[in-house]
PDB file of N, CA and C in Angstrom:
ATOM      1  N   MET A   1      36.803 -15.984 -50.203  1.00  0.00           N
ATOM      2  CA  MET A   1      38.032 -16.454 -49.615  1.00  0.00           C
ATOM      3  C   MET A   1      39.228 -16.037 -50.457  1.00  0.00           C
ATOM      4  N   SER A   2      39.063 -15.925 -51.754  1.00  0.00           N
ATOM      5  CA  SER A   2      40.193 -15.540 -52.591  1.00  0.00           C
ATOM      6  C   SER A   2      40.665 -14.118 -52.261  1.00  0.00           C
ATOM      7  N   GLN A   3      39.734 -13.258 -51.844  1.00  0.00           N
ATOM      8  CA  GLN A   3      40.137 -11.918 -51.456  1.00  0.00           C
ATOM      9  C   GLN A   3      40.969 -11.958 -50.178  1.00  0.00           C
ATOM     10  N   LEU A   4      40.629 -12.864 -49.293  1.00  0.00           N
ATOM     11  CA  LEU A   4      41.380 -13.015 -48.056  1.00  0.00           C
ATOM     12  C   LEU A   4      42.804 -13.480 -48.358  1.00  0.00           C
ATOM     13  N   LEU A   5      42.946 -14.398 -49.274  1.00  0.00           N
ATOM     14  CA  LEU A   5      44.260 -14.948 -49.600  1.00  0.00           C
ATOM     15  C   LEU A   5      45.228 -13.867 -50.086  1.00  0.00           C
ATOM     16  N   ARG A   6      44.741 -12.889 -50.798  1.00  0.00           N
ATOM     17  CA  ARG A   6      45.669 -11.888 -51.328  1.00  0.00           C
ATOM     18  C   ARG A   6      46.207 -10.970 -50.233  1.00  0.00           C
ATOM     19  N   TYR A   7      45.556 -10.913 -49.077  1.00  0.00           N
ATOM     20  CA  TYR A   7      46.046 -10.096 -47.977  1.00  0.00           C
ATOM     21  C   TYR A   7      47.159 -10.780 -47.185  1.00  0.00           C
ATOM     22  N   THR A   8      47.153 -12.100 -47.132  1.00  0.00           N
ATOM     23  CA  THR A   8      48.018 -12.812 -46.198  1.00  0.00           C
ATOM     24  C   THR A   8      49.504 -12.791 -46.505  1.00  0.00           C
ATOM     25  N   PRO A   9      49.987 -12.785 -47.736  1.00  0.00           N
ATOM     26  CA  PRO A   9      51.431 -12.911 -47.935  1.00  0.00           C
ATOM     27  C   PRO A   9      52.274 -11.774 -47.349  1.00  0.00           C
ATOM     28  N   SER A  10      51.777 -10.574 -47.341  1.00  0.00           N
ATOM     29  CA  SER A  10      52.598  -9.448 -46.914  1.00  0.00           C
ATOM     30  C   SER A  10      52.430  -9.100 -45.437  1.00  0.00           C
ATOM     31  N   LEU A  11      51.624  -9.855 -44.716  1.00  0.00           N
ATOM     32  CA  LEU A  11      51.346  -9.506 -43.326  1.00  0.00           C
ATOM     33  C   LEU A  11      52.243 -10.268 -42.364  1.00  0.00           C
ATOM     34  N   LYS A  12      52.427  -9.688 -41.186  1.00  0.00           N
ATOM     35  CA  LYS A  12      53.269 -10.301 -40.167  1.00  0.00           C
ATOM     36  C   LYS A  12      52.399 -10.723 -38.980  1.00  0.00           C
ATOM     37  N   PRO A  13      52.802 -11.768 -38.257  1.00  0.00           N
ATOM     38  CA  PRO A  13      52.029 -12.222 -37.092  1.00  0.00           C
ATOM     39  C   PRO A  13      51.788 -11.097 -36.093  1.00  0.00           C
ATOM     40  N   GLY A  14      50.615 -11.116 -35.485  1.00  0.00           N
ATOM     41  CA  GLY A  14      50.244 -10.124 -34.483  1.00  0.00           C
ATOM     42  C   GLY A  14      49.487  -8.942 -35.045  1.00  0.00           C
ATOM     43  N   LEU A  15      49.522  -8.748 -36.342  1.00  0.00           N
ATOM     44  CA  LEU A  15      48.814  -7.619 -36.946  1.00  0.00           C
ATOM     45  C   LEU A  15      47.322  -7.914 -37.034  1.00  0.00           C
ATOM     46  N   MET A  16      46.556  -6.860 -36.972  1.00  0.00           N
ATOM     47  CA  MET A  16      45.119  -6.981 -37.190  1.00  0.00           C
ATOM     48  C   MET A  16      44.869  -6.607 -38.647  1.00  0.00           C
ATOM     49  N   ILE A  17      44.043  -7.405 -39.308  1.00  0.00           N
ATOM     50  CA  ILE A  17      43.731  -7.102 -40.698  1.00  0.00           C
ATOM     51  C   ILE A  17      42.230  -7.188 -40.899  1.00  0.00           C
ATOM     52  N   GLU A  18      41.788  -6.553 -41.950  1.00  0.00           N
ATOM     53  CA  GLU A  18      40.381  -6.554 -42.304  1.00  0.00           C
ATOM     54  C   GLU A  18      40.180  -7.575 -43.412  1.00  0.00           C
ATOM     55  N   ASP A  19      39.214  -8.456 -43.217  1.00  0.00           N
ATOM     56  CA  ASP A  19      38.960  -9.464 -44.250  1.00  0.00           C
ATOM     57  C   ASP A  19      38.064  -8.893 -45.343  1.00  0.00           C
ATOM     58  N   ALA A  20      37.713  -9.722 -46.302  1.00  0.00           N
ATOM     59  CA  ALA A  20      36.937  -9.269 -47.461  1.00  0.00           C
ATOM     60  C   ALA A  20      35.551  -8.756 -47.077  1.00  0.00           C
ATOM     61  N   GLU A  21      35.041  -9.166 -45.913  1.00  0.00           N
ATOM     62  CA  GLU A  21      33.702  -8.737 -45.478  1.00  0.00           C
ATOM     63  C   GLU A  21      33.754  -7.532 -44.541  1.00  0.00           C
ATOM     64  N   GLY A  22      34.942  -6.973 -44.339  1.00  0.00           N
ATOM     65  CA  GLY A  22      35.072  -5.805 -43.481  1.00  0.00           C
ATOM     66  C   GLY A  22      35.215  -6.136 -42.009  1.00  0.00           C
ATOM     67  N   LYS A  23      35.417  -7.409 -41.666  1.00  0.00           N
ATOM     68  CA  LYS A  23      35.596  -7.814 -40.274  1.00  0.00           C
ATOM     69  C   LYS A  23      37.086  -7.824 -39.949  1.00  0.00           C
ATOM     70  N   TRP A  24      37.398  -7.483 -38.701  1.00  0.00           N
ATOM     71  CA  TRP A  24      38.792  -7.425 -38.280  1.00  0.00           C
ATOM     72  C   TRP A  24      39.156  -8.684 -37.500  1.00  0.00           C
ATOM     73  N   ALA A  25      40.348  -9.187 -37.743  1.00  0.00           N
ATOM     74  CA  ALA A  25      40.833 -10.368 -37.035  1.00  0.00           C
ATOM     75  C   ALA A  25      42.356 -10.360 -37.039  1.00  0.00           C
ATOM     76  N   LYS A  26      42.930 -11.175 -36.148  1.00  0.00           N
ATOM     77  CA  LYS A  26      44.385 -11.315 -36.146  1.00  0.00           C
ATOM     78  C   LYS A  26      44.811 -12.098 -37.372  1.00  0.00           C
ATOM     79  N   TYR A  27      45.979 -11.746 -37.874  1.00  0.00           N
ATOM     80  CA  TYR A  27      46.536 -12.430 -39.037  1.00  0.00           C
ATOM     81  C   TYR A  27      46.594 -13.935 -38.802  1.00  0.00           C
ATOM     82  N   GLU A  28      47.005 -14.362 -37.597  1.00  0.00           N
ATOM     83  CA  GLU A  28      47.151 -15.787 -37.306  1.00  0.00           C
ATOM     84  C   GLU A  28      45.826 -16.531 -37.471  1.00  0.00           C
ATOM     85  N   VAL A  29      44.753 -15.892 -37.042  1.00  0.00           N
ATOM     86  CA  VAL A  29      43.430 -16.522 -37.147  1.00  0.00           C
ATOM     87  C   VAL A  29      43.051 -16.701 -38.615  1.00  0.00           C
ATOM     88  N   LEU A  30      43.261 -15.667 -39.389  1.00  0.00           N
ATOM     89  CA  LEU A  30      42.917 -15.758 -40.808  1.00  0.00           C
ATOM     90  C   LEU A  30      43.823 -16.751 -41.535  1.00  0.00           C
ATOM     91  N   ALA A  31      45.109 -16.786 -41.174  1.00  0.00           N
ATOM     92  CA  ALA A  31      46.032 -17.740 -41.788  1.00  0.00           C
ATOM     93  C   ALA A  31      45.599 -19.171 -41.465  1.00  0.00           C
ATOM     94  N   GLN A  32      45.137 -19.380 -40.227  1.00  0.00           N
ATOM     95  CA  GLN A  32      44.658 -20.708 -39.837  1.00  0.00           C
ATOM     96  C   GLN A  32      43.421 -21.085 -40.651  1.00  0.00           C
ATOM     97  N   LEU A  33      42.538 -20.139 -40.849  1.00  0.00           N
ATOM     98  CA  LEU A  33      41.341 -20.409 -41.659  1.00  0.00           C
ATOM     99  C   LEU A  33      41.703 -20.755 -43.095  1.00  0.00           C
ATOM    100  N   VAL A  34      42.677 -20.050 -43.641  1.00  0.00           N
ATOM    101  CA  VAL A  34      43.124 -20.336 -45.007  1.00  0.00           C
ATOM    102  C   VAL A  34      43.686 -21.756 -45.076  1.00  0.00           C
ATOM    103  N   ALA A  35      44.461 -22.145 -44.057  1.00  0.00           N
ATOM    104  CA  ALA A  35      45.019 -23.503 -44.016  1.00  0.00           C
ATOM    105  C   ALA A  35      43.906 -24.540 -43.917  1.00  0.00           C
ATOM    106  N   GLN A  36      42.886 -24.254 -43.110  1.00  0.00           N
ATOM    107  CA  GLN A  36      41.759 -25.184 -42.965  1.00  0.00           C
ATOM    108  C   GLN A  36      40.996 -25.329 -44.279  1.00  0.00           C
ATOM    109  N   VAL A  37      40.834 -24.238 -44.981  1.00  0.00           N
ATOM    110  CA  VAL A  37      40.165 -24.291 -46.284  1.00  0.00           C
ATOM    111  C   VAL A  37      40.968 -25.178 -47.236  1.00  0.00           C
ATOM    112  N   GLY A  38      42.284 -25.039 -47.215  1.00  0.00           N
ATOM    113  CA  GLY A  38      43.132 -25.875 -48.058  1.00  0.00           C
ATOM    114  C   GLY A  38      42.985 -27.346 -47.724  1.00  0.00           C
ATOM    115  N   ALA A  39      42.943 -27.663 -46.432  1.00  0.00           N
ATOM    116  CA  ALA A  39      42.781 -29.063 -46.010  1.00  0.00           C
ATOM    117  C   ALA A  39      41.422 -29.602 -46.434  1.00  0.00           C
ATOM    118  N   LEU A  40      40.392 -28.798 -46.294  1.00  0.00           N
ATOM    119  CA  LEU A  40      39.054 -29.222 -46.720  1.00  0.00           C
ATOM    120  C   LEU A  40      38.993 -29.420 -48.228  1.00  0.00           C
ATOM    121  N   GLN A  41      39.689 -28.587 -48.963  1.00  0.00           N
ATOM    122  CA  GLN A  41      39.726 -28.731 -50.420  1.00  0.00           C
ATOM    123  C   GLN A  41      40.389 -30.047 -50.806  1.00  0.00           C
ATOM    124  N   GLN A  42      41.451 -30.425 -50.092  1.00  0.00           N
ATOM    125  CA  GLN A  42      42.106 -31.706 -50.356  1.00  0.00           C
ATOM    126  C   GLN A  42      41.159 -32.869 -50.086  1.00  0.00           C
ATOM    127  N   ARG A  43      40.407 -32.785 -48.990  1.00  0.00           N
ATOM    128  CA  ARG A  43      39.449 -33.852 -48.671  1.00  0.00           C
ATOM    129  C   ARG A  43      38.354 -33.930 -49.732  1.00  0.00           C
ATOM    130  N   LEU A  44      37.906 -32.772 -50.187  1.00  0.00           N
ATOM    131  CA  LEU A  44      36.873 -32.743 -51.219  1.00  0.00           C
ATOM    132  C   LEU A  44      37.392 -33.356 -52.517  1.00  0.00           C
ATOM    133  N   THR A  45      38.620 -33.050 -52.871  1.00  0.00           N
ATOM    134  CA  THR A  45      39.223 -33.618 -54.072  1.00  0.00           C
ATOM    135  C   THR A  45      39.329 -35.136 -53.955  1.00  0.00           C
ATOM    136  N   ALA A  46      39.766 -35.623 -52.793  1.00  0.00           N
ATOM    137  CA  ALA A  46      39.875 -37.071 -52.571  1.00  0.00           C
ATOM    138  C   ALA A  46      38.504 -37.737 -52.661  1.00  0.00           C
ATOM    139  N   ALA A  47      37.494 -37.113 -52.101  1.00  0.00           N
ATOM    140  CA  ALA A  47      36.141 -37.675 -52.159  1.00  0.00           C
ATOM    141  C   ALA A  47      35.630 -37.700 -53.600  1.00  0.00           C
ATOM    142  N   ASP A  48      35.938 -36.666 -54.357  1.00  0.00           N
ATOM    143  CA  ASP A  48      35.526 -36.608 -55.758  1.00  0.00           C
ATOM    144  C   ASP A  48      36.215 -37.708 -56.569  1.00  0.00           C
ATOM    145  N   GLU A  49      37.493 -37.916 -56.292  1.00  0.00           N
ATOM    146  CA  GLU A  49      38.218 -38.988 -56.983  1.00  0.00           C
ATOM    147  C   GLU A  49      37.639 -40.353 -56.626  1.00  0.00           C
ATOM    148  N   ARG A  50      37.289 -40.539 -55.354  1.00  0.00           N
ATOM    149  CA  ARG A  50      36.690 -41.809 -54.926  1.00  0.00           C
ATOM    150  C   ARG A  50      35.346 -42.013 -55.626  1.00  0.00           C
ATOM    151  N   ALA A  51      34.566 -40.977 -55.746  1.00  0.00           N
ATOM    152  CA  ALA A  51      33.282 -41.091 -56.438  1.00  0.00           C
ATOM    153  C   ALA A  51      33.493 -41.525 -57.885  1.00  0.00           C
ATOM    154  N   ASP A  52      34.517 -41.006 -58.538  1.00  0.00           N
ATOM    155  CA  ASP A  52      34.825 -41.413 -59.912  1.00  0.00           C
ATOM    156  C   ASP A  52      35.195 -42.891 -59.983  1.00  0.00           C
ATOM    157  N   VAL A  53      36.005 -43.354 -59.017  1.00  0.00           N
ATOM    158  CA  VAL A  53      36.400 -44.760 -58.979  1.00  0.00           C
ATOM    159  C   VAL A  53      35.177 -45.657 -58.764  1.00  0.00           C
ATOM    160  N   LEU A  54      34.311 -45.250 -57.855  1.00  0.00           N
ATOM    161  CA  LEU A  54      33.111 -46.046 -57.571  1.00  0.00           C
ATOM    162  C   LEU A  54      32.179 -46.094 -58.782  1.00  0.00           C
ATOM    163  N   GLU A  55      32.025 -44.980 -59.450  1.00  0.00           N
ATOM    164  CA  GLU A  55      31.176 -44.945 -60.638  1.00  0.00           C
ATOM    165  C   GLU A  55      31.721 -45.882 -61.713  1.00  0.00           C
ATOM    166  N   THR A  56      33.030 -45.866 -61.904  1.00  0.00           N
ATOM    167  CA  THR A  56      33.659 -46.753 -62.885  1.00  0.00           C
ATOM    168  C   THR A  56      33.444 -48.212 -62.516  1.00  0.00           C
ATOM    169  N   ALA A  57      33.612 -48.545 -61.235  1.00  0.00           N
ATOM    170  CA  ALA A  57      33.429 -49.926 -60.784  1.00  0.00           C
ATOM    171  C   ALA A  57      31.997 -50.392 -61.014  1.00  0.00           C
ATOM    172  N   LEU A  58      31.048 -49.553 -60.703  1.00  0.00           N
ATOM    173  CA  LEU A  58      29.645 -49.935 -60.878  1.00  0.00           C
ATOM    174  C   LEU A  58      29.268 -50.051 -62.354  1.00  0.00           C
ATOM    175  N   LYS A  59      29.875 -49.229 -63.188  1.00  0.00           N
ATOM    176  CA  LYS A  59      29.630 -49.349 -64.635  1.00  0.00           C
ATOM    177  C   LYS A  59      30.169 -50.678 -65.159  1.00  0.00           C
ATOM    178  N   LYS A  60      31.331 -51.109 -64.642  1.00  0.00           N
ATOM    179  CA  LYS A  60      31.891 -52.400 -65.050  1.00  0.00           C
ATOM    180  C   LYS A  60      30.954 -53.542 -64.677  1.00  0.00           C
ATOM    181  N   ILE A  61      30.401 -53.484 -63.484  1.00  0.00           N
ATOM    182  CA  ILE A  61      29.446 -54.515 -63.064  1.00  0.00           C
ATOM    183  C   ILE A  61      28.248 -54.518 -63.990  1.00  0.00           C
ATOM    184  N   SER A  62      27.717 -53.342 -64.266  1.00  0.00           N
ATOM    185  CA  SER A  62      26.534 -53.228 -65.106  1.00  0.00           C
ATOM    186  C   SER A  62      26.783 -53.795 -66.500  1.00  0.00           C
ATOM    187  N   VAL A  63      27.914 -53.440 -67.094  1.00  0.00           N
ATOM    188  CA  VAL A  63      28.240 -53.925 -68.438  1.00  0.00           C
ATOM    189  C   VAL A  63      28.344 -55.448 -68.450  1.00  0.00           C
ATOM    190  N   ARG A  64      29.004 -55.995 -67.437  1.00  0.00           N
ATOM    191  CA  ARG A  64      29.168 -57.444 -67.366  1.00  0.00           C
ATOM    192  C   ARG A  64      27.806 -58.142 -67.238  1.00  0.00           C
ATOM    193  N   CYS A  65      26.958 -57.620 -66.392  1.00  0.00           N
ATOM    194  CA  CYS A  65      25.637 -58.225 -66.197  1.00  0.00           C
ATOM    195  C   CYS A  65      24.766 -58.110 -67.451  1.00  0.00           C
ATOM    196  N   VAL A  66      24.786 -56.947 -68.078  1.00  0.00           N
ATOM    197  CA  VAL A  66      23.993 -56.734 -69.288  1.00  0.00           C
ATOM    198  C   VAL A  66      24.445 -57.674 -70.401  1.00  0.00           C
ATOM    199  N   ALA A  67      25.756 -57.879 -70.511  1.00  0.00           N
ATOM    200  CA  ALA A  67      26.269 -58.776 -71.551  1.00  0.00           C
ATOM    201  C   ALA A  67      25.714 -60.190 -71.379  1.00  0.00           C
ATOM    202  N   TYR A  68      25.664 -60.655 -70.162  1.00  0.00           N
ATOM    203  CA  TYR A  68      25.123 -62.001 -69.923  1.00  0.00           C
ATOM    204  C   TYR A  68      23.619 -62.047 -70.164  1.00  0.00           C
ATOM    205  N   ILE A  69      22.922 -61.009 -69.787  1.00  0.00           N
ATOM    206  CA  ILE A  69      21.469 -60.977 -70.002  1.00  0.00           C
ATOM    207  C   ILE A  69      21.155 -60.973 -71.494  1.00  0.00           C
ATOM    208  N   GLU A  70      21.863 -60.129 -72.251  1.00  0.00           N
ATOM    209  CA  GLU A  70      21.614 -60.039 -73.692  1.00  0.00           C
ATOM    210  C   GLU A  70      21.972 -61.336 -74.406  1.00  0.00           C
ATOM    211  N   ALA A  71      22.962 -62.047 -73.921  1.00  0.00           N
ATOM    212  CA  ALA A  71      23.354 -63.320 -74.535  1.00  0.00           C
ATOM    213  C   ALA A  71      22.480 -64.469 -74.033  1.00  0.00           C
ATOM    214  N   GLU A  72      21.542 -64.139 -73.150  1.00  0.00           N
ATOM    215  CA  GLU A  72      20.647 -65.119 -72.542  1.00  0.00           C
ATOM    216  C   GLU A  72      21.437 -66.281 -71.940  1.00  0.00           C
ATOM    217  N   ARG A  73      22.491 -65.905 -71.246  1.00  0.00           N
ATOM    218  CA  ARG A  73      23.337 -66.900 -70.596  1.00  0.00           C
ATOM    219  C   ARG A  73      23.294 -66.693 -69.093  1.00  0.00           C
ATOM    220  N   GLU A  74      23.543 -67.763 -68.396  1.00  0.00           N
ATOM    221  CA  GLU A  74      23.695 -67.654 -66.956  1.00  0.00           C
ATOM    222  C   GLU A  74      25.141 -67.276 -66.681  1.00  0.00           C
ATOM    223  N   MET A  75      25.321 -66.491 -65.682  1.00  0.00           N
ATOM    224  CA  MET A  75      26.680 -66.078 -65.332  1.00  0.00           C
ATOM    225  C   MET A  75      27.381 -67.228 -64.618  1.00  0.00           C
ATOM    226  N   PRO A  76      28.577 -67.570 -65.072  1.00  0.00           N
ATOM    227  CA  PRO A  76      29.326 -68.596 -64.358  1.00  0.00           C
ATOM    228  C   PRO A  76      29.730 -68.090 -62.974  1.00  0.00           C
ATOM    229  N   GLU A  77      29.949 -69.001 -62.077  1.00  0.00           N
ATOM    230  CA  GLU A  77      30.291 -68.658 -60.693  1.00  0.00           C
ATOM    231  C   GLU A  77      31.434 -67.641 -60.590  1.00  0.00           C
ATOM    232  N   PRO A  78      32.541 -67.786 -61.342  1.00  0.00           N
ATOM    233  CA  PRO A  78      33.618 -66.788 -61.225  1.00  0.00           C
ATOM    234  C   PRO A  78      33.162 -65.370 -61.589  1.00  0.00           C
ATOM    235  N   SER A  79      32.287 -65.234 -62.577  1.00  0.00           N
ATOM    236  CA  SER A  79      31.811 -63.896 -62.960  1.00  0.00           C
ATOM    237  C   SER A  79      30.945 -63.298 -61.865  1.00  0.00           C
ATOM    238  N   VAL A  80      30.131 -64.130 -61.245  1.00  0.00           N
ATOM    239  CA  VAL A  80      29.305 -63.642 -60.135  1.00  0.00           C
ATOM    240  C   VAL A  80      30.221 -63.167 -59.004  1.00  0.00           C
ATOM    241  N   GLU A  81      31.255 -63.952 -58.732  1.00  0.00           N
ATOM    242  CA  GLU A  81      32.184 -63.577 -57.670  1.00  0.00           C
ATOM    243  C   GLU A  81      32.925 -62.276 -58.000  1.00  0.00           C
ATOM    244  N   VAL A  82      33.288 -62.094 -59.260  1.00  0.00           N
ATOM    245  CA  VAL A  82      33.956 -60.854 -59.671  1.00  0.00           C
ATOM    246  C   VAL A  82      33.017 -59.662 -59.454  1.00  0.00           C
ATOM    247  N   CYS A  83      31.769 -59.804 -59.851  1.00  0.00           N
ATOM    248  CA  CYS A  83      30.794 -58.720 -59.661  1.00  0.00           C
ATOM    249  C   CYS A  83      30.602 -58.422 -58.177  1.00  0.00           C
ATOM    250  N   GLN A  84      30.538 -59.466 -57.362  1.00  0.00           N
ATOM    251  CA  GLN A  84      30.383 -59.266 -55.919  1.00  0.00           C
ATOM    252  C   GLN A  84      31.602 -58.547 -55.339  1.00  0.00           C
ATOM    253  N   THR A  85      32.784 -58.942 -55.777  1.00  0.00           N
ATOM    254  CA  THR A  85      34.012 -58.316 -55.287  1.00  0.00           C
ATOM    255  C   THR A  85      34.049 -56.835 -55.650  1.00  0.00           C
ATOM    256  N   ILE A  86      33.687 -56.520 -56.890  1.00  0.00           N
ATOM    257  CA  ILE A  86      33.675 -55.114 -57.332  1.00  0.00           C
ATOM    258  C   ILE A  86      32.654 -54.320 -56.523  1.00  0.00           C
ATOM    259  N   ALA A  87      31.466 -54.898 -56.343  1.00  0.00           N
ATOM    260  CA  ALA A  87      30.415 -54.199 -55.603  1.00  0.00           C
ATOM    261  C   ALA A  87      30.814 -53.993 -54.143  1.00  0.00           C
ATOM    262  N   GLU A  88      31.394 -55.010 -53.521  1.00  0.00           N
ATOM    263  CA  GLU A  88      31.809 -54.885 -52.122  1.00  0.00           C
ATOM    264  C   GLU A  88      32.879 -53.802 -51.965  1.00  0.00           C
ATOM    265  N   ALA A  89      33.824 -53.776 -52.898  1.00  0.00           N
ATOM    266  CA  ALA A  89      34.875 -52.757 -52.840  1.00  0.00           C
ATOM    267  C   ALA A  89      34.277 -51.363 -53.023  1.00  0.00           C
ATOM    268  N   ALA A  90      33.303 -51.252 -53.903  1.00  0.00           N
ATOM    269  CA  ALA A  90      32.683 -49.955 -54.161  1.00  0.00           C
ATOM    270  C   ALA A  90      31.878 -49.473 -52.958  1.00  0.00           C
ATOM    271  N   LEU A  91      31.285 -50.408 -52.241  1.00  0.00           N
ATOM    272  CA  LEU A  91      30.429 -50.036 -51.120  1.00  0.00           C
ATOM    273  C   LEU A  91      31.178 -49.911 -49.801  1.00  0.00           C
ATOM    274  N   LYS A  92      32.439 -50.318 -49.776  1.00  0.00           N
ATOM    275  CA  LYS A  92      33.235 -50.221 -48.556  1.00  0.00           C
ATOM    276  C   LYS A  92      33.504 -48.742 -48.267  1.00  0.00           C
ATOM    277  N   PRO A  93      33.262 -48.320 -47.034  1.00  0.00           N
ATOM    278  CA  PRO A  93      33.517 -46.903 -46.707  1.00  0.00           C
ATOM    279  C   PRO A  93      34.990 -46.553 -46.889  1.00  0.00           C
ATOM    280  N   ALA A  94      35.227 -45.331 -47.320  1.00  0.00           N
ATOM    281  CA  ALA A  94      36.601 -44.854 -47.480  1.00  0.00           C
ATOM    282  C   ALA A  94      37.246 -44.736 -46.120  1.00  0.00           C
ATOM    283  N   GLU A  95      38.515 -45.091 -46.021  1.00  0.00           N
ATOM    284  CA  GLU A  95      39.219 -44.978 -44.754  1.00  0.00           C
ATOM    285  C   GLU A  95      39.528 -43.515 -44.486  1.00  0.00           C
ATOM    286  N   GLY A  96      39.236 -43.087 -43.256  1.00  0.00           N
ATOM    287  CA  GLY A  96      39.537 -41.715 -42.868  1.00  0.00           C
ATOM    288  C   GLY A  96      38.615 -40.692 -43.488  1.00  0.00           C
ATOM    289  N   GLY A  97      37.543 -41.143 -44.132  1.00  0.00           N
ATOM    290  CA  GLY A  97      36.665 -40.188 -44.799  1.00  0.00           C
ATOM    291  C   GLY A  97      35.427 -39.817 -44.020  1.00  0.00           C
ATOM    292  N   GLY A  98      35.302 -40.388 -42.794  1.00  0.00           N
ATOM    293  CA  GLY A  98      34.108 -40.121 -42.006  1.00  0.00           C
ATOM    294  C   GLY A  98      34.197 -38.822 -41.250  1.00  0.00           C
ATOM    295  N   ASP A  99      33.088 -38.445 -40.649  1.00  0.00           N
ATOM    296  CA  ASP A  99      33.063 -37.247 -39.818  1.00  0.00           C
ATOM    297  C   ASP A  99      33.800 -37.540 -38.527  1.00  0.00           C
ATOM    298  N   GLU A 100      34.661 -36.621 -38.145  1.00  0.00           N
ATOM    299  CA  GLU A 100      35.462 -36.843 -36.948  1.00  0.00           C
ATOM    300  C   GLU A 100      35.118 -35.825 -35.890  1.00  0.00           C
TER     301      GLU A 100
END
């Protein structure tokens, strides 16, 4: 795709161009594909960031639970509720992230 990108800046609408694989297409079609790739890259970045947030949340739950286990203490009700809240937030589907 990077080879395709270097062709697009100097081209004008209506022209036929050859892509990196030797296939011919209208400039508009290739420009649209480049735009779609950019949009998909943004979605991938957002999903990656969400995965990082979820991993952090689950690590916090784990640390809190392990601390109580190692101290041989029962978790007070507020701590259980905090862990449940973190877990529920982590497991909630991302808005707008589903297949459309």
